Amino acid sequence: NNCEWFAAALGHLEWLRFSLNPDLEGILTDNKGFTAIHFAAQKGKLECLQVLVEEYQFPVDLPTKNGQTPLHLVIHKENKNTVLPCVHYLLQHGAALNTQTRNGSTPLHLAAREGLLSCVKLLVKNGANVHARDAIGCKPIDYCKIWNHRVCARFLKDAMWKRDKKDFACEMGKLKGLKGQLALMERYYQTECQEEQQLLRQAAFKKWLHHKPLPRGRSLIHSTEQEPQAPPWAIPVSKTPTLSKHFHPSPEEHLRQTPQPKLQPSLTSTPHYMHPTVRQPKPWNISNNPARSPTAQIGSPQGIRLGVHPEPSLEHDFRGFLKIRPDGQGGAHLRTVTGKQVTSVPRLPLEVIVRELYPHMRPCRMKVPQGFHSVSIKDVDRKRYLGDNTFCTDTLAMNLRETFDEAFLATVQAHQGLPILPCP
């Protein structure tokens, strides 16, 4: 029963084909969940992997009881020469990149732990998660630091930086779309508020009109049968010039009462364009009259803004509509003034979200750095060189001594009256 396992581990194709029984249902496993494809992957036998996957339809992501897939088992320092083609073959046939074992290890964790740079590059190129954490919270770069794989650590650090920039750009695009949705929500909220205020004003006006005393013979009920007639107490504005101080005529009546100028038929008005004369002020008075002081035009260009305050942002500000609160994990919770929770908030730092949604908030003035004080050269730590003539030299002087040439050092020592130091 164990022949196919040994054949897969040794890479003997004829023995493997002879041992595999197509009549048996299912895949033969041991007490740890290992099958023939796991033994072939563990020993880096590419030909056996091809036979098992293509001819006998073994699953590429078949896990063991510990959660290990063939991609996990093939990444081993003993398979240094065959690990790269095996990983490439498994990835071509759909092997999962970020599958974690029971202890949370991904294939990238194992490659970083073994220091296989080519395998790390291949996994990262195909989309492996460089920020994945295992059960103890370690990332792949942490294992590079633990096992002193410096080249892999440099590559993973660069890959993590690129991934962070890409994710940040993606989240900023989501925030831009969210700002458009918030602008529409704010416009709809303002429209509802205006309609509500209009209804309240109309109700207040009707209440005021109901309590306002009316003259005799007038009622608030409008009769549709009778045509509206002018009340007897209404007096035309044109016949009562003394009431013009209290009653303002309509614009049409005002135009009707205004006398129009009479145009003579003999004169015809023709448009005439006058070219404007532009007088440019002289920057300095060149007159030599001592009684007149020279004048100077002092100003700033239009494109330069003088002052200590930052220029106002042209973007829309949501302070009157949106409230931002921290969520306790570095992100933000968004809630409108109506109490509605905004969902699908981008995963960005709180400072970035506040800066994007509240662009008109002026940044606070930088605090004075604490703990900084002037240090004299005499207070700098000294380096002591023991020899025939023991002497002390400041750190700055030692650095200059290692930098400048021998002639300059001799001149400085002769000027200071100190013994000439030997050139390094």
Protein backbone atom coordinates (compact mmCIF):
# COMPACT_ATOMS: atom_id res chain seq x y z
CA ASN A 1 0.00 0.00 0.00
CA ASN A 2 2.95 2.35 0.58
CA CYS A 3 4.62 1.71 -2.75
CA GLU A 4 3.27 4.80 -4.44
CA TRP A 5 4.52 7.00 -1.60
CA PHE A 6 8.06 5.64 -1.87
CA ALA A 7 7.98 5.83 -5.66
CA ALA A 8 6.85 9.48 -5.53
CA ALA A 9 9.53 10.34 -2.96
CA LEU A 10 12.27 8.66 -5.01
CA GLY A 11 11.03 10.06 -8.35
CA HIS A 12 10.69 6.65 -10.05
CA LEU A 13 8.02 7.20 -12.70
CA GLU A 14 7.57 3.56 -13.81
CA TRP A 15 7.24 2.33 -10.23
CA LEU A 16 4.82 5.19 -9.50
CA ARG A 17 2.59 4.35 -12.47
CA PHE A 18 2.69 0.65 -11.56
CA SER A 19 1.81 1.33 -7.91
CA LEU A 20 -1.12 3.68 -8.56
CA ASN A 21 -4.29 1.60 -8.85
CA PRO A 22 -6.97 3.35 -10.93
CA ASP A 23 -9.66 1.01 -9.52
CA LEU A 24 -9.31 2.37 -5.97
CA GLU A 25 -11.72 5.17 -5.08
CA GLY A 26 -10.15 8.15 -3.38
CA ILE A 27 -6.53 9.00 -2.63
CA LEU A 28 -4.45 6.92 -0.26
CA THR A 29 -3.25 8.94 2.78
CA ASP A 30 -1.16 8.18 5.85
CA ASN A 31 -1.90 9.11 9.47
CA LYS A 32 -0.65 12.71 8.89
CA GLY A 33 -2.67 13.23 5.73
CA PHE A 34 0.27 12.89 3.37
CA THR A 35 -0.33 11.51 -0.13
CA ALA A 36 1.87 10.74 -3.10
CA ILE A 37 1.78 14.34 -4.31
CA HIS A 38 2.96 15.57 -0.90
CA PHE A 39 5.92 13.18 -0.88
CA ALA A 40 6.83 14.20 -4.43
CA ALA A 41 6.64 17.88 -3.51
CA GLN A 42 8.63 17.37 -0.33
CA LYS A 43 11.51 15.83 -2.29
CA GLY A 44 11.21 18.25 -5.24
CA LYS A 45 10.38 15.63 -7.89
CA LEU A 46 8.96 17.69 -10.76
CA GLU A 47 8.31 14.69 -13.07
CA CYS A 48 6.24 12.93 -10.41
CA LEU A 49 4.25 16.11 -9.81
CA GLN A 50 3.48 16.34 -13.51
CA VAL A 51 2.34 12.70 -13.66
CA LEU A 52 0.18 12.96 -10.55
CA VAL A 53 -1.48 16.24 -11.55
CA GLU A 54 -1.93 15.69 -15.29
CA GLU A 55 -2.49 11.93 -15.57
CA TYR A 56 -4.09 10.98 -12.24
CA GLN A 57 -5.87 14.31 -11.48
CA PHE A 58 -4.42 14.91 -8.02
CA PRO A 59 -5.59 18.26 -6.56
CA VAL A 60 -2.83 20.88 -6.55
CA ASP A 61 -4.00 22.36 -3.21
CA LEU A 62 -4.62 19.05 -1.44
CA PRO A 63 -3.94 19.84 2.27
CA THR A 64 -2.55 17.59 4.98
CA LYS A 65 -3.93 17.40 8.49
CA ASN A 66 -1.58 20.24 9.43
CA GLY A 67 -2.86 22.39 6.54
CA GLN A 68 0.25 22.01 4.38
CA THR A 69 -0.19 22.01 0.62
CA PRO A 70 2.33 20.77 -1.97
CA LEU A 71 3.42 24.41 -2.42
CA HIS A 72 4.35 24.58 1.28
CA LEU A 73 6.26 21.30 1.20
CA VAL A 74 8.26 22.02 -1.96
CA ILE A 75 9.84 25.15 -0.41
CA HIS A 76 12.76 23.66 1.45
CA LYS A 77 16.47 24.35 1.49
CA GLU A 78 17.24 20.76 0.48
CA ASN A 79 15.37 21.37 -2.79
CA LYS A 80 17.42 24.45 -3.61
CA ASN A 81 18.08 23.35 -7.20
CA THR A 82 14.57 22.14 -8.03
CA VAL A 83 12.36 24.41 -5.93
CA LEU A 84 11.99 27.13 -8.56
CA PRO A 85 10.64 24.94 -11.45
CA CYS A 86 8.37 23.06 -9.02
CA VAL A 87 6.89 26.28 -7.63
CA HIS A 88 6.47 27.66 -11.13
CA TYR A 89 4.66 24.49 -12.24
CA LEU A 90 2.32 24.48 -9.24
CA LEU A 91 1.47 28.17 -9.73
CA GLN A 92 0.70 27.55 -13.39
CA HIS A 93 -1.82 24.87 -12.41
CA GLY A 94 -3.66 27.11 -9.94
CA ALA A 95 -1.95 26.60 -6.60
CA ALA A 96 -3.12 29.06 -3.93
CA LEU A 97 -0.43 31.56 -2.94
CA ASN A 98 -1.66 32.75 0.45
CA THR A 99 -2.90 29.48 1.95
CA GLN A 100 -1.95 29.30 5.63
CA THR A 101 -1.10 26.25 7.68
CA ARG A 102 -2.30 25.69 11.24
CA ASN A 103 0.46 27.91 12.57
CA GLY A 104 -0.42 30.61 10.02
CA SER A 105 2.59 30.17 7.73
CA THR A 106 2.24 30.99 4.05
CA PRO A 107 4.60 29.82 1.29
CA LEU A 108 6.25 33.25 1.44
CA HIS A 109 6.97 32.77 5.16
CA LEU A 110 8.74 29.50 4.39
CA ALA A 111 10.72 30.95 1.49
CA ALA A 112 11.83 33.91 3.62
CA ARG A 113 12.80 31.59 6.47
CA GLU A 114 14.92 29.46 4.14
CA GLY A 115 16.45 32.51 2.42
CA LEU A 116 15.46 31.41 -1.11
CA LEU A 117 15.63 34.74 -2.92
CA SER A 118 14.52 33.46 -6.35
CA CYS A 119 11.52 31.72 -4.80
CA VAL A 120 10.64 34.87 -2.83
CA LYS A 121 10.77 36.96 -6.00
CA LEU A 122 8.57 34.48 -7.88
CA LEU A 123 5.96 34.39 -5.11
CA VAL A 124 5.86 38.19 -4.75
CA LYS A 125 5.64 38.63 -8.52
CA ASN A 126 2.59 36.35 -8.65
CA GLY A 127 0.80 38.28 -5.90
CA ALA A 128 1.82 36.81 -2.55
CA ASN A 129 0.80 38.85 0.47
CA VAL A 130 3.97 40.47 1.84
CA HIS A 131 2.10 41.69 4.95
CA ALA A 132 0.70 38.28 5.96
CA ARG A 133 1.12 37.39 9.64
CA ASP A 134 1.38 33.94 11.12
CA ALA A 135 0.05 32.70 14.47
CA ILE A 136 2.70 34.58 16.47
CA GLY A 137 2.29 37.80 14.46
CA CYS A 138 5.46 37.63 12.35
CA LYS A 139 5.68 38.78 8.75
CA PRO A 140 7.96 37.20 6.11
CA ILE A 141 10.48 40.00 6.52
CA ASP A 142 10.71 39.24 10.24
CA TYR A 143 12.02 35.75 9.50
CA CYS A 144 14.59 37.25 7.14
CA LYS A 145 15.81 39.42 10.01
CA ILE A 146 15.80 36.53 12.47
CA TRP A 147 17.82 34.21 10.20
CA ASN A 148 19.99 37.06 8.85
CA HIS A 149 18.94 36.80 5.20
CA ARG A 150 19.82 40.38 4.29
CA VAL A 151 19.24 40.18 0.53
CA CYS A 152 15.76 38.73 1.00
CA ALA A 153 15.02 41.35 3.66
CA ARG A 154 15.97 44.21 1.31
CA PHE A 155 13.82 42.78 -1.46
CA LEU A 156 10.82 42.27 0.86
CA LYS A 157 11.18 45.75 2.30
CA ASP A 158 11.05 47.25 -1.19
CA ALA A 159 8.10 45.02 -2.10
CA MET A 160 6.25 46.07 1.06
CA TRP A 161 6.82 49.74 0.27
CA LYS A 162 5.48 49.30 -3.26
CA ARG A 163 2.47 47.36 -1.98
CA ASP A 164 1.75 50.08 0.60
CA LYS A 165 1.90 52.78 -2.08
CA LYS A 166 -0.37 50.80 -4.36
CA ASP A 167 -2.88 50.12 -1.59
CA PHE A 168 -2.78 53.77 -0.51
CA ALA A 169 -3.49 54.93 -4.07
CA CYS A 170 -6.37 52.45 -4.30
CA GLU A 171 -7.87 53.65 -1.00
CA MET A 172 -7.47 57.28 -2.05
CA GLY A 173 -9.46 56.49 -5.20
CA LYS A 174 -12.20 54.99 -3.03
CA LEU A 175 -12.16 58.11 -0.84
CA LYS A 176 -12.53 60.29 -3.93
CA GLY A 177 -15.63 58.34 -4.96
CA LEU A 178 -16.97 58.56 -1.40
CA LYS A 179 -16.54 62.34 -1.47
CA GLY A 180 -18.73 62.50 -4.58
CA GLN A 181 -21.44 60.46 -2.84
CA LEU A 182 -21.20 62.65 0.27
CA ALA A 183 -21.54 65.78 -1.87
CA LEU A 184 -24.79 64.44 -3.36
CA MET A 185 -26.07 63.50 0.10
CA GLU A 186 -25.25 66.97 1.41
CA ARG A 187 -26.99 68.64 -1.52
CA TYR A 188 -30.10 66.51 -0.95
CA TYR A 189 -30.00 67.35 2.78
CA GLN A 190 -29.73 71.07 2.05
CA THR A 191 -32.67 70.84 -0.38
CA GLU A 192 -34.79 69.15 2.28
CA CYS A 193 -33.82 71.77 4.84
CA GLN A 194 -34.75 74.60 2.46
CA GLU A 195 -38.13 73.01 1.73
CA GLU A 196 -38.76 72.55 5.44
CA GLN A 197 -37.82 76.16 6.16
CA GLN A 198 -40.09 77.32 3.35
CA LEU A 199 -43.01 75.37 4.81
CA LEU A 200 -42.33 76.82 8.26
CA ARG A 201 -42.22 80.35 6.87
CA GLN A 202 -45.50 79.84 5.03
CA ALA A 203 -47.12 78.44 8.18
CA ALA A 204 -45.85 81.40 10.22
CA PHE A 205 -47.09 83.86 7.61
CA LYS A 206 -50.58 82.25 7.58
CA LYS A 207 -50.67 82.39 11.36
CA TRP A 208 -49.71 86.05 11.32
CA LEU A 209 -52.24 86.80 8.61
CA HIS A 210 -54.97 85.01 10.57
CA HIS A 211 -54.38 87.16 13.65
CA LYS A 212 -53.98 90.42 11.69
CA PRO A 213 -57.08 92.73 12.04
CA LEU A 214 -58.86 93.39 8.74
CA PRO A 215 -61.06 96.41 7.78
CA ARG A 216 -64.84 96.16 7.78
CA GLY A 217 -66.42 94.26 4.95
CA ARG A 218 -63.33 92.09 4.36
CA SER A 219 -62.97 88.41 5.13
CA LEU A 220 -60.30 85.79 4.73
CA ILE A 221 -62.66 83.59 2.65
CA HIS A 222 -62.18 84.26 -1.05
CA SER A 223 -65.38 84.24 -3.16
CA THR A 224 -64.95 82.69 -6.59
CA GLU A 225 -68.38 83.81 -7.82
CA GLN A 226 -67.73 87.54 -7.57
CA GLU A 227 -65.02 89.20 -9.54
CA PRO A 228 -62.39 90.90 -7.49
CA GLN A 229 -63.11 94.62 -7.19
CA ALA A 230 -61.03 97.38 -5.77
CA PRO A 231 -61.97 98.18 -2.16
CA PRO A 232 -63.51 101.58 -1.51
CA TRP A 233 -60.61 102.63 0.67
CA ALA A 234 -58.01 101.98 -2.08
CA ILE A 235 -56.83 105.21 -3.66
CA PRO A 236 -54.76 105.40 -6.87
CA VAL A 237 -51.20 106.38 -6.27
CA SER A 238 -51.16 108.86 -9.14
CA LYS A 239 -54.02 110.94 -7.64
CA THR A 240 -52.53 111.18 -4.15
CA PRO A 241 -49.05 112.60 -4.38
CA THR A 242 -48.97 113.07 -0.62
CA LEU A 243 -49.23 109.31 -0.02
CA SER A 244 -46.25 108.53 -2.22
CA LYS A 245 -44.06 108.58 0.85
CA HIS A 246 -45.92 105.62 2.28
CA PHE A 247 -47.02 103.68 -0.83
CA HIS A 248 -44.47 102.61 -3.41
CA PRO A 249 -45.79 102.13 -6.97
CA SER A 250 -44.92 99.06 -8.98
CA PRO A 251 -42.02 99.17 -11.44
CA GLU A 252 -44.43 99.32 -14.41
CA GLU A 253 -46.28 102.26 -12.87
CA HIS A 254 -43.02 103.99 -12.07
CA LEU A 255 -41.89 103.68 -15.70
CA ARG A 256 -45.26 104.92 -16.88
CA GLN A 257 -45.05 108.05 -14.69
CA THR A 258 -41.43 108.84 -15.59
CA PRO A 259 -41.32 111.44 -18.43
CA GLN A 260 -39.51 110.10 -21.47
CA PRO A 261 -37.01 112.41 -23.22
CA LYS A 262 -38.07 113.59 -26.65
CA LEU A 263 -35.62 112.87 -29.42
CA GLN A 264 -35.26 115.28 -32.31
CA PRO A 265 -35.79 113.58 -35.66
CA SER A 266 -33.00 115.55 -37.27
CA LEU A 267 -30.37 114.19 -34.96
CA THR A 268 -29.33 110.57 -35.40
CA SER A 269 -27.27 108.84 -32.76
CA THR A 270 -24.29 106.97 -34.16
CA PRO A 271 -22.11 104.80 -31.95
CA HIS A 272 -18.68 106.23 -31.42
CA TYR A 273 -15.87 104.23 -29.77
CA MET A 274 -13.33 106.11 -27.72
CA HIS A 275 -10.00 104.41 -27.36
CA PRO A 276 -9.11 104.34 -23.64
CA THR A 277 -5.91 106.03 -22.65
CA VAL A 278 -3.77 103.96 -20.31
CA ARG A 279 -1.37 105.83 -18.10
CA GLN A 280 1.36 103.73 -16.62
CA PRO A 281 2.74 105.15 -13.38
CA LYS A 282 6.44 105.74 -13.32
CA PRO A 283 8.28 103.69 -10.72
CA TRP A 284 10.44 106.65 -9.70
CA ASN A 285 10.23 110.42 -10.05
CA ILE A 286 13.19 111.47 -12.14
CA SER A 287 12.60 115.17 -11.48
CA ASN A 288 15.55 116.99 -9.92
CA ASN A 289 13.33 119.42 -8.03
CA PRO A 290 14.56 119.34 -4.38
CA ALA A 291 11.22 120.58 -3.09
CA ARG A 292 9.43 117.50 -4.37
CA SER A 293 10.21 114.15 -2.77
CA PRO A 294 10.67 111.21 -5.12
CA THR A 295 7.85 108.64 -5.14
CA ALA A 296 8.24 104.90 -5.50
CA GLN A 297 5.66 102.24 -6.42
CA ILE A 298 6.22 99.39 -3.97
CA GLY A 299 3.95 96.36 -4.23
CA SER A 300 3.85 92.61 -4.51
CA PRO A 301 3.11 90.57 -7.66
CA GLN A 302 -0.41 89.22 -8.06
CA GLY A 303 0.73 85.61 -8.04
CA ILE A 304 2.49 85.86 -4.67
CA ARG A 305 0.45 85.82 -1.48
CA LEU A 306 2.10 87.40 1.53
CA GLY A 307 1.29 86.15 5.01
CA VAL A 308 1.88 83.31 7.42
CA HIS A 309 -1.48 81.58 7.02
CA PRO A 310 -1.89 78.87 4.36
CA GLU A 311 -3.94 79.60 1.30
CA PRO A 312 -7.56 78.41 1.49
CA SER A 313 -8.23 75.12 -0.24
CA LEU A 314 -10.52 75.05 -3.27
CA GLU A 315 -11.99 71.65 -2.35
CA HIS A 316 -15.38 71.27 -0.72
CA ASP A 317 -15.48 71.11 3.08
CA PHE A 318 -17.85 68.69 4.85
CA ARG A 319 -17.59 70.08 8.38
CA GLY A 320 -21.20 71.26 8.39
CA PHE A 321 -22.55 67.90 7.24
CA LEU A 322 -20.17 65.16 8.40
CA LYS A 323 -18.73 64.21 11.77
CA ILE A 324 -15.50 62.21 11.97
CA ARG A 325 -14.60 60.10 14.99
CA PRO A 326 -11.67 57.70 15.52
CA ASP A 327 -12.50 54.01 15.53
CA GLY A 328 -9.73 53.01 17.94
CA GLN A 329 -7.64 51.23 15.28
CA GLY A 330 -6.19 54.24 13.46
CA GLY A 331 -9.16 54.61 11.11
CA ALA A 332 -12.29 56.76 11.22
CA HIS A 333 -16.05 56.49 11.69
CA LEU A 334 -18.18 58.82 9.55
CA ARG A 335 -21.64 59.96 10.60
CA THR A 336 -23.86 62.60 9.01
CA VAL A 337 -25.73 65.31 10.92
CA THR A 338 -28.91 63.29 10.46
CA GLY A 339 -27.36 60.40 12.43
CA LYS A 340 -26.78 58.11 9.44
CA GLN A 341 -23.66 55.94 9.59
CA VAL A 342 -21.50 56.08 6.46
CA THR A 343 -20.44 52.59 5.42
CA SER A 344 -17.53 51.42 3.26
CA VAL A 345 -15.05 53.90 4.73
CA PRO A 346 -11.61 53.54 3.07
CA ARG A 347 -8.87 52.00 5.20
CA LEU A 348 -6.81 55.15 5.59
CA PRO A 349 -5.27 56.85 8.63
CA LEU A 350 -7.46 59.25 10.56
CA GLU A 351 -5.23 62.22 9.72
CA VAL A 352 -5.55 61.58 5.98
CA ILE A 353 -9.36 61.31 6.13
CA VAL A 354 -9.62 64.50 8.21
CA ARG A 355 -7.31 66.36 5.83
CA GLU A 356 -9.32 65.25 2.79
CA LEU A 357 -12.83 65.85 4.19
CA TYR A 358 -11.98 69.00 6.21
CA PRO A 359 -9.61 70.84 3.84
CA HIS A 360 -10.40 74.28 5.32
CA MET A 361 -9.09 73.39 8.75
CA ARG A 362 -5.91 75.33 9.30
CA PRO A 363 -3.05 73.23 10.61
CA CYS A 364 -1.94 74.07 14.11
CA ARG A 365 1.34 75.90 14.58
CA MET A 366 4.30 73.63 15.10
CA LYS A 367 5.33 73.30 18.72
CA VAL A 368 8.79 74.32 19.82
CA PRO A 369 11.07 71.26 19.92
CA GLN A 370 11.70 70.23 23.50
CA GLY A 371 15.00 68.96 24.82
CA PHE A 372 17.21 70.88 22.35
CA HIS A 373 19.98 73.04 23.78
CA SER A 374 23.23 74.41 22.51
CA VAL A 375 26.29 72.22 23.00
CA SER A 376 29.83 73.51 23.03
CA ILE A 377 32.65 71.68 21.31
CA LYS A 378 34.19 71.24 24.73
CA ASP A 379 31.19 69.18 25.85
CA VAL A 380 31.49 66.71 22.96
CA ASP A 381 32.74 63.26 23.89
CA ARG A 382 36.50 62.94 23.47
CA LYS A 383 38.56 60.18 21.88
CA ARG A 384 41.72 59.30 23.75
CA TYR A 385 44.73 57.82 21.93
CA LEU A 386 47.37 56.26 24.15
CA GLY A 387 50.97 56.40 23.05
CA ASP A 388 54.31 57.92 23.91
CA ASN A 389 52.78 61.38 24.18
CA THR A 390 49.24 60.95 25.46
CA PHE A 391 46.93 63.66 24.27
CA CYS A 392 43.16 64.22 23.83
CA THR A 393 41.51 65.39 20.66
CA ASP A 394 37.92 66.43 20.08
CA THR A 395 35.71 64.22 17.94
CA LEU A 396 35.30 66.96 15.35
CA ALA A 397 39.04 67.44 15.12
CA MET A 398 39.58 63.72 14.63
CA ASN A 399 37.10 63.68 11.78
CA LEU A 400 38.81 66.66 10.15
CA ARG A 401 42.17 64.96 10.63
CA GLU A 402 40.96 61.91 8.72
CA THR A 403 39.55 64.11 5.97
CA PHE A 404 42.13 66.78 5.16
CA ASP A 405 45.54 66.28 3.67
CA GLU A 406 48.91 66.15 5.40
CA ALA A 407 50.02 69.70 4.50
CA PHE A 408 46.89 71.23 5.93
CA LEU A 409 47.24 69.22 9.14
CA ALA A 410 50.84 70.32 9.54
CA THR A 411 49.84 73.97 9.11
CA VAL A 412 47.04 73.69 11.66
CA GLN A 413 49.25 71.96 14.21
CA ALA A 414 52.04 74.50 13.73
CA HIS A 415 49.57 77.35 14.20
CA GLN A 416 48.14 75.84 17.41
CA GLY A 417 51.52 74.92 18.82
CA LEU A 418 50.58 71.26 19.14
CA PRO A 419 52.73 68.29 18.19
CA ILE A 420 52.33 67.17 14.58
CA LEU A 421 50.07 64.12 14.36
CA PRO A 422 51.08 61.21 12.15
CA CYS A 423 49.10 60.93 8.97
CA PRO A 424 46.75 57.89 8.92
